[in-house]
Amino acid sequence: MAILATPTYLLTGFLGSGKTTLLNNWLKQPEFSDVAVIVNEFGAVGIDNDLISKSDEDTIELTTGCLCCTVRGSLVETLMALFVKRQQGQVRHFNAVVIETTGLADPVPVIQALMTTPVSGNFHLAKIITTVEAPQGLSTIDRHAEAAKQVAVADDIVITKGDLVAEGHVNVANALKTLNPGAPIHNTAPSAPLALSAILGSGSLETSAQFNGPKYWQNADVVKQDDRHHHRHDLNRHNSEIGSFVLTFDEPLRWQEVAAWMDALVIAHGEDILRVKGILEIENTDQPIVVQSVQKLFHPPFALEQWPDGTRQSRVVFITKAISESFVREVFDIIRSARKPSASPSILSELELTGATS
């Protein structure tokens, strides 16, 4: 019987953003049973001794059912060792993995590790969660490229320490929407800790390893409307060139043209195309097709059973560095006008519709 890849969640956030505090809170919640958590060092997490039921040099089992591990060697080595231990019954069985990154880490290499062999056969990247502190988060994003990139690639954003800012989280949230318009934004504070269910919805870590669904596109559409009426906040107005935009298409698209479009952008500007997340209406295909990428890495596409919000319209969110909306649209217009799919192998070779809809 084939072994299904384990859904894996990446928890990122700059130094002091409240990432570890959030993780500590989640460790105590019932939804975290049957989850393996990978951290850089146990001491930094500060696990309550009363929660420890069993431990050795690099793993700790908690009374809640959660398994905590430290990175030994590379992340790939740690994940594969954990996989083997589970197969051999050396550790408690787990149905999902959460990886906490260091505060200074560029998240893209970690994402690359999760999306390439041998890891991708046993673990699949389900969601990227990023923490941003309300008091200093925006200035940190402005000064540190890593912090900006952490927000740009996130599927969900958690604003922490909102109780320390007079305006709370509202201004921070509005600014973050200009950087990542589709990501749901959550809030947490010591007086009102964020429940894991807010991230998961009604499911578990295992069952929530799915596309964000209608919420992502509703969020992106709202920001697009705000942009038209000039209500957006000017985040990163000084030394950062990261921005976002949403392209919409009312008519069905040709798959070969979409693939050639993404090829052209990635080959020429892959490092600056930080995130692409699209839901597409493709010619001769009834189901909506989802495409996602982080820089040069494309997730295998998949078909949804139905349009998440009932609207049959192609929508693609781009988060880029110094790449304008007009340039991205112009590249697509040139490809569409040529009407000749590239004969060369596509960088999106996995994205053939026969594979996506089967």
Protein backbone atom coordinates (compact mmCIF):
# COMPACT_ATOMS: atom_id res chain seq x y z
CA MET A 1 0.00 0.00 0.00
CA ALA A 2 1.34 3.42 -0.93
CA ILE A 3 2.44 5.66 1.92
CA LEU A 4 0.84 9.09 1.78
CA ALA A 5 3.15 12.05 2.26
CA THR A 6 2.82 13.64 5.69
CA PRO A 7 1.44 17.21 5.68
CA THR A 8 4.14 19.59 6.88
CA TYR A 9 3.67 23.13 8.19
CA LEU A 10 6.39 25.77 8.21
CA LEU A 11 6.28 28.30 11.08
CA THR A 12 8.38 31.37 10.30
CA GLY A 13 8.81 34.82 11.81
CA PHE A 14 11.61 37.27 12.49
CA LEU A 15 13.46 37.46 15.81
CA GLY A 16 11.16 38.66 18.57
CA SER A 17 8.00 38.22 16.52
CA GLY A 18 6.39 35.87 19.05
CA LYS A 19 6.81 32.71 17.00
CA THR A 20 8.05 30.57 19.89
CA THR A 21 5.37 31.87 22.25
CA LEU A 22 2.73 30.92 19.70
CA LEU A 23 4.25 27.46 19.31
CA ASN A 24 4.36 26.97 23.08
CA ASN A 25 0.67 27.74 23.29
CA TRP A 26 -0.14 25.30 20.51
CA LEU A 27 1.87 22.51 22.14
CA LYS A 28 -0.70 22.44 24.94
CA GLN A 29 -3.74 22.25 22.67
CA PRO A 30 -5.50 18.95 21.89
CA GLU A 31 -5.24 19.59 18.14
CA PHE A 32 -1.47 19.17 18.45
CA SER A 33 -1.66 15.52 19.51
CA ASP A 34 -0.17 13.20 16.90
CA VAL A 35 2.03 16.03 15.59
CA ALA A 36 5.83 16.08 15.34
CA VAL A 37 7.43 19.49 15.95
CA ILE A 38 10.95 20.21 14.69
CA VAL A 39 12.82 23.02 16.46
CA ASN A 40 16.42 24.21 16.44
CA GLU A 41 16.94 23.63 20.15
CA PHE A 42 14.74 22.52 23.02
CA GLY A 43 15.98 25.27 25.33
CA ALA A 44 14.70 28.02 23.06
CA VAL A 45 11.20 26.57 23.10
CA GLY A 46 11.11 26.24 26.88
CA ILE A 47 8.96 23.12 27.07
CA ASP A 48 7.19 22.74 30.42
CA ASN A 49 8.74 19.81 32.31
CA ASP A 50 5.28 18.74 33.46
CA LEU A 51 4.40 18.02 29.83
CA ILE A 52 7.36 15.70 29.17
CA SER A 53 6.57 11.99 29.32
CA LYS A 54 9.72 10.64 27.60
CA SER A 55 12.91 12.15 26.20
CA ASP A 56 16.30 11.39 24.71
CA GLU A 57 19.05 13.46 23.09
CA ASP A 58 17.04 14.72 20.14
CA THR A 59 13.38 13.83 20.77
CA ILE A 60 10.88 14.62 23.51
CA GLU A 61 7.45 13.03 23.80
CA LEU A 62 4.83 15.13 25.55
CA THR A 63 1.89 13.97 27.61
CA THR A 64 -0.35 15.74 25.10
CA GLY A 65 0.72 13.26 22.41
CA CYS A 66 3.01 15.69 20.60
CA LEU A 67 6.54 14.71 19.57
CA CYS A 68 9.30 17.37 19.63
CA CYS A 69 12.59 16.95 17.75
CA THR A 70 15.70 19.05 17.28
CA VAL A 71 17.51 19.49 13.97
CA ARG A 72 20.54 17.19 13.70
CA GLY A 73 22.68 17.98 10.67
CA SER A 74 20.48 19.29 7.87
CA LEU A 75 16.71 19.59 7.88
CA VAL A 76 16.54 16.92 5.18
CA GLU A 77 18.52 14.51 7.37
CA THR A 78 16.30 15.28 10.35
CA LEU A 79 13.09 14.69 8.42
CA MET A 80 14.28 11.46 6.85
CA ALA A 81 15.55 10.16 10.20
CA LEU A 82 12.18 11.00 11.73
CA PHE A 83 10.42 9.17 8.91
CA VAL A 84 12.53 6.05 9.45
CA LYS A 85 11.98 6.14 13.23
CA ARG A 86 8.22 6.30 12.69
CA GLN A 87 8.35 3.40 10.24
CA GLN A 88 10.34 1.31 12.69
CA GLY A 89 8.18 2.22 15.67
CA GLN A 90 11.01 4.01 17.49
CA VAL A 91 8.88 7.12 18.03
CA ARG A 92 5.21 7.72 18.55
CA HIS A 93 3.17 7.80 15.35
CA PHE A 94 2.46 11.28 13.99
CA ASN A 95 0.11 12.48 11.27
CA ALA A 96 1.59 15.94 10.64
CA VAL A 97 4.83 17.89 11.10
CA VAL A 98 5.43 21.50 12.17
CA ILE A 99 8.87 23.03 11.51
CA GLU A 100 9.92 26.16 13.39
CA THR A 101 12.58 28.12 11.50
CA THR A 102 15.16 30.45 12.99
CA GLY A 103 14.21 34.11 13.11
CA LEU A 104 16.89 35.17 10.63
CA ALA A 105 16.19 32.40 8.15
CA ASP A 106 15.30 32.99 4.53
CA PRO A 107 12.32 30.61 4.23
CA VAL A 108 12.92 29.74 0.58
CA PRO A 109 15.77 27.20 1.13
CA VAL A 110 13.59 25.40 3.68
CA ILE A 111 10.72 25.35 1.20
CA GLN A 112 13.10 24.04 -1.47
CA ALA A 113 14.18 21.22 0.85
CA LEU A 114 10.56 20.24 1.43
CA MET A 115 9.70 20.29 -2.27
CA THR A 116 12.61 18.21 -3.57
CA THR A 117 13.58 14.56 -3.24
CA PRO A 118 13.95 12.58 -1.09
CA VAL A 119 11.83 14.64 1.30
CA SER A 120 8.94 15.40 -1.05
CA GLY A 121 8.06 11.73 -1.38
CA ASN A 122 7.42 11.42 2.35
CA PHE A 123 6.47 14.95 3.43
CA HIS A 124 4.54 17.62 1.58
CA LEU A 125 4.41 21.33 2.34
CA ALA A 126 0.85 22.04 3.45
CA LYS A 127 1.01 25.61 4.71
CA ILE A 128 3.44 28.41 5.61
CA ILE A 129 2.54 30.40 8.74
CA THR A 130 4.40 33.63 9.55
CA THR A 131 4.33 35.72 12.74
CA VAL A 132 4.68 39.52 12.73
CA GLU A 133 4.75 41.58 15.91
CA ALA A 134 2.51 44.64 15.99
CA PRO A 135 4.91 47.12 17.68
CA GLN A 136 7.99 46.72 15.44
CA GLY A 137 6.94 44.33 12.71
CA LEU A 138 6.54 46.82 9.88
CA SER A 139 9.87 48.53 10.53
CA THR A 140 11.52 45.10 10.71
CA ILE A 141 10.05 44.19 7.33
CA ASP A 142 11.29 47.47 5.92
CA ARG A 143 14.86 46.91 7.17
CA HIS A 144 15.31 43.16 6.70
CA ALA A 145 14.76 41.37 3.41
CA GLU A 146 14.31 38.04 5.21
CA ALA A 147 11.39 39.39 7.23
CA ALA A 148 9.72 40.75 4.10
CA LYS A 149 10.18 37.45 2.32
CA GLN A 150 8.73 35.53 5.28
CA VAL A 151 5.54 37.56 4.96
CA ALA A 152 5.51 37.38 1.17
CA VAL A 153 5.53 33.57 1.00
CA ALA A 154 3.08 33.00 3.88
CA ASP A 155 -0.25 31.25 3.52
CA ASP A 156 -1.39 32.60 6.91
CA ILE A 157 -0.07 35.58 8.90
CA VAL A 158 -0.33 35.89 12.69
CA ILE A 159 0.01 39.36 14.25
CA THR A 160 1.36 39.14 17.79
CA LYS A 161 1.57 41.63 20.67
CA GLY A 162 -1.34 43.69 19.35
CA ASP A 163 -2.15 44.67 22.93
CA LEU A 164 1.08 46.72 23.03
CA VAL A 165 0.03 49.08 20.23
CA ALA A 166 -2.56 51.80 20.69
CA GLU A 167 -4.27 51.04 17.38
CA GLY A 168 -3.92 47.33 18.02
CA HIS A 169 -3.45 45.14 14.99
CA VAL A 170 -5.60 47.10 12.53
CA ASN A 171 -2.95 49.34 10.96
CA VAL A 172 -0.45 46.48 10.83
CA ALA A 173 -2.98 44.20 9.15
CA ASN A 174 -3.89 46.80 6.55
CA ALA A 175 -0.23 47.30 5.69
CA LEU A 176 0.49 43.57 5.48
CA LYS A 177 -2.35 43.13 2.99
CA THR A 178 -0.39 45.18 0.48
CA LEU A 179 2.48 42.71 0.74
CA ASN A 180 0.44 39.51 0.73
CA PRO A 181 -3.16 40.25 -0.25
CA GLY A 182 -4.59 36.75 -0.06
CA ALA A 183 -3.20 35.45 3.22
CA PRO A 184 -5.71 35.32 6.10
CA ILE A 185 -4.52 37.47 9.02
CA HIS A 186 -4.97 36.33 12.61
CA ASN A 187 -4.28 38.06 15.92
CA THR A 188 -2.85 36.81 19.17
CA ALA A 189 -1.88 38.36 22.49
CA PRO A 190 -1.20 37.07 26.03
CA SER A 191 -4.71 38.07 27.04
CA ALA A 192 -6.24 36.41 23.97
CA PRO A 193 -4.02 33.58 22.66
CA LEU A 194 -4.71 32.31 19.17
CA ALA A 195 -6.41 28.93 19.09
CA LEU A 196 -4.95 26.48 16.61
CA SER A 197 -8.45 26.00 15.21
CA ALA A 198 -8.26 29.56 13.83
CA ILE A 199 -5.53 28.36 11.47
CA LEU A 200 -7.05 24.96 10.80
CA GLY A 201 -10.72 25.87 10.48
CA SER A 202 -12.90 22.93 11.44
CA GLY A 203 -10.28 20.32 10.56
CA SER A 204 -7.04 19.03 12.03
CA LEU A 205 -3.45 19.61 10.96
CA GLU A 206 -3.80 16.48 8.87
CA THR A 207 -7.09 17.37 7.17
CA SER A 208 -6.33 21.06 6.69
CA ALA A 209 -3.48 20.32 4.28
CA GLN A 210 -5.53 21.74 1.47
CA PHE A 211 -5.82 24.85 -0.64
CA ASN A 212 -6.88 27.92 1.38
CA GLY A 213 -10.20 27.90 -0.44
CA PRO A 214 -12.54 30.83 -0.87
CA LYS A 215 -11.04 32.88 1.97
CA TYR A 216 -7.78 33.39 0.07
CA TRP A 217 -9.52 34.71 -3.04
CA GLN A 218 -12.02 36.81 -1.09
CA ASN A 219 -9.10 38.47 0.71
CA ALA A 220 -7.21 39.06 -2.54
CA ASP A 221 -10.29 40.50 -4.25
CA VAL A 222 -10.92 42.93 -1.38
CA VAL A 223 -7.34 44.22 -1.58
CA LYS A 224 -7.67 44.58 -5.35
CA GLN A 225 -10.77 46.74 -4.83
CA ASP A 226 -8.97 48.81 -2.17
CA ASP A 227 -6.11 49.35 -4.59
CA ARG A 228 -8.50 50.76 -7.17
CA HIS A 229 -9.77 53.28 -4.64
CA HIS A 230 -6.27 54.17 -3.33
CA HIS A 231 -6.97 52.99 0.21
CA ARG A 232 -3.84 50.88 0.53
CA HIS A 233 -1.07 51.56 3.02
CA ASP A 234 2.40 52.25 1.67
CA LEU A 235 4.38 49.43 3.24
CA ASN A 236 8.13 49.28 2.61
CA ARG A 237 8.26 52.76 1.13
CA HIS A 238 12.00 53.14 1.74
CA ASN A 239 14.39 50.32 0.84
CA SER A 240 12.13 47.44 -0.12
CA GLU A 241 10.77 46.81 -3.59
CA ILE A 242 8.43 43.96 -2.65
CA GLY A 243 4.84 44.40 -3.72
CA SER A 244 1.79 42.43 -4.81
CA PHE A 245 -0.98 42.55 -7.37
CA VAL A 246 -3.86 40.41 -8.59
CA LEU A 247 -4.53 39.64 -12.26
CA THR A 248 -8.00 38.48 -13.31
CA PHE A 249 -9.21 36.95 -16.57
CA ASP A 250 -12.87 36.52 -17.44
CA GLU A 251 -12.38 34.18 -20.40
CA PRO A 252 -10.98 30.61 -20.19
CA LEU A 253 -7.21 30.40 -20.63
CA ARG A 254 -5.13 28.07 -22.77
CA TRP A 255 -2.98 25.80 -20.67
CA GLN A 256 0.01 25.96 -23.04
CA GLU A 257 -0.03 29.74 -22.86
CA VAL A 258 -0.18 29.77 -19.07
CA ALA A 259 2.77 27.36 -18.89
CA ALA A 260 4.78 29.42 -21.39
CA TRP A 261 3.95 32.59 -19.42
CA MET A 262 5.21 31.15 -16.16
CA ASP A 263 8.27 29.74 -17.94
CA ALA A 264 9.19 33.14 -19.31
CA LEU A 265 8.80 34.90 -15.97
CA VAL A 266 10.70 32.29 -13.99
CA ILE A 267 13.56 31.90 -16.46
CA ALA A 268 14.14 35.66 -16.66
CA HIS A 269 13.19 36.79 -13.14
CA GLY A 270 12.78 33.67 -10.99
CA GLU A 271 14.47 35.08 -7.90
CA ASP A 272 12.20 38.13 -7.98
CA ILE A 273 8.91 36.25 -8.44
CA LEU A 274 8.55 35.52 -4.74
CA ARG A 275 5.12 33.92 -4.78
CA VAL A 276 2.46 33.03 -7.32
CA LYS A 277 -0.90 31.62 -6.33
CA GLY A 278 -3.53 31.18 -9.00
CA ILE A 279 -6.90 29.58 -9.57
CA LEU A 280 -7.49 29.14 -13.29
CA GLU A 281 -10.35 28.46 -15.66
CA ILE A 282 -8.73 26.44 -18.43
CA GLU A 283 -10.22 25.71 -21.85
CA ASN A 284 -11.93 22.31 -22.10
CA THR A 285 -11.63 21.76 -18.34
CA ASP A 286 -14.65 21.96 -16.07
CA GLN A 287 -12.75 22.05 -12.78
CA PRO A 288 -10.70 25.03 -11.56
CA ILE A 289 -6.95 24.39 -11.61
CA VAL A 290 -4.73 25.67 -8.81
CA VAL A 291 -1.11 26.67 -9.48
CA GLN A 292 1.34 27.82 -6.82
CA SER A 293 5.03 28.70 -6.77
CA VAL A 294 7.73 30.08 -4.50
CA GLN A 295 10.41 31.70 -6.64
CA LYS A 296 11.51 29.03 -9.14
CA LEU A 297 9.75 26.15 -7.40
CA PHE A 298 6.30 25.14 -8.61
CA HIS A 299 3.97 22.95 -6.60
CA PRO A 300 2.28 20.23 -8.63
CA PRO A 301 -1.06 21.68 -9.71
CA PHE A 302 -4.34 20.19 -8.68
CA ALA A 303 -7.99 20.48 -9.59
CA LEU A 304 -10.65 21.59 -7.15
CA GLU A 305 -14.01 19.85 -7.23
CA GLN A 306 -15.75 23.19 -7.69
CA TRP A 307 -15.09 26.92 -7.76
CA PRO A 308 -14.56 27.88 -4.10
CA ASP A 309 -16.66 31.04 -4.22
CA GLY A 310 -18.90 30.19 -7.14
CA THR A 311 -17.16 32.62 -9.50
CA ARG A 312 -15.73 31.10 -12.69
CA GLN A 313 -12.88 33.55 -13.16
CA SER A 314 -9.13 33.08 -13.36
CA ARG A 315 -7.33 34.96 -10.60
CA VAL A 316 -3.57 35.01 -10.07
CA VAL A 317 -1.86 36.69 -7.11
CA PHE A 318 1.75 37.74 -7.73
CA ILE A 319 4.13 38.82 -4.96
CA THR A 320 7.26 40.20 -6.56
CA LYS A 321 10.41 42.19 -6.00
CA ALA A 322 10.75 45.10 -8.44
CA ILE A 323 8.55 43.38 -11.04
CA SER A 324 5.55 45.47 -12.08
CA GLU A 325 2.02 44.34 -12.82
CA SER A 326 2.22 45.91 -16.28
CA PHE A 327 5.36 43.91 -17.12
CA VAL A 328 3.82 40.59 -16.02
CA ARG A 329 0.66 41.29 -17.99
CA GLU A 330 2.66 42.37 -21.05
CA VAL A 331 4.60 39.09 -21.06
CA PHE A 332 1.33 37.16 -21.08
CA ASP A 333 -0.13 39.33 -23.84
CA ILE A 334 2.92 38.70 -26.03
CA ILE A 335 2.66 34.94 -25.51
CA ARG A 336 -1.07 34.90 -26.19
CA SER A 337 -0.67 36.91 -29.37
CA ALA A 338 1.92 34.44 -30.68
CA ARG A 339 -0.51 31.50 -30.25
CA LYS A 340 2.36 29.04 -30.53
CA PRO A 341 3.13 26.93 -27.45
CA SER A 342 6.82 26.43 -26.82
CA ALA A 343 8.24 23.20 -28.21
CA SER A 344 10.91 23.09 -25.51
CA PRO A 345 10.31 21.20 -22.23
CA SER A 346 8.37 23.38 -19.84
CA ILE A 347 9.67 24.27 -16.42
CA LEU A 348 6.10 23.42 -15.41
CA SER A 349 6.31 19.92 -16.85
CA GLU A 350 4.35 18.56 -13.88
CA LEU A 351 1.53 20.94 -14.68
CA GLU A 352 0.01 18.97 -17.54
CA LEU A 353 -3.72 18.95 -17.10
CA THR A 354 -4.01 15.22 -17.54
CA GLY A 355 -1.94 14.83 -14.38
CA ALA A 356 -3.64 17.65 -12.54
CA THR A 357 -7.17 16.39 -12.97
CA SER A 358 -6.65 12.66 -12.70
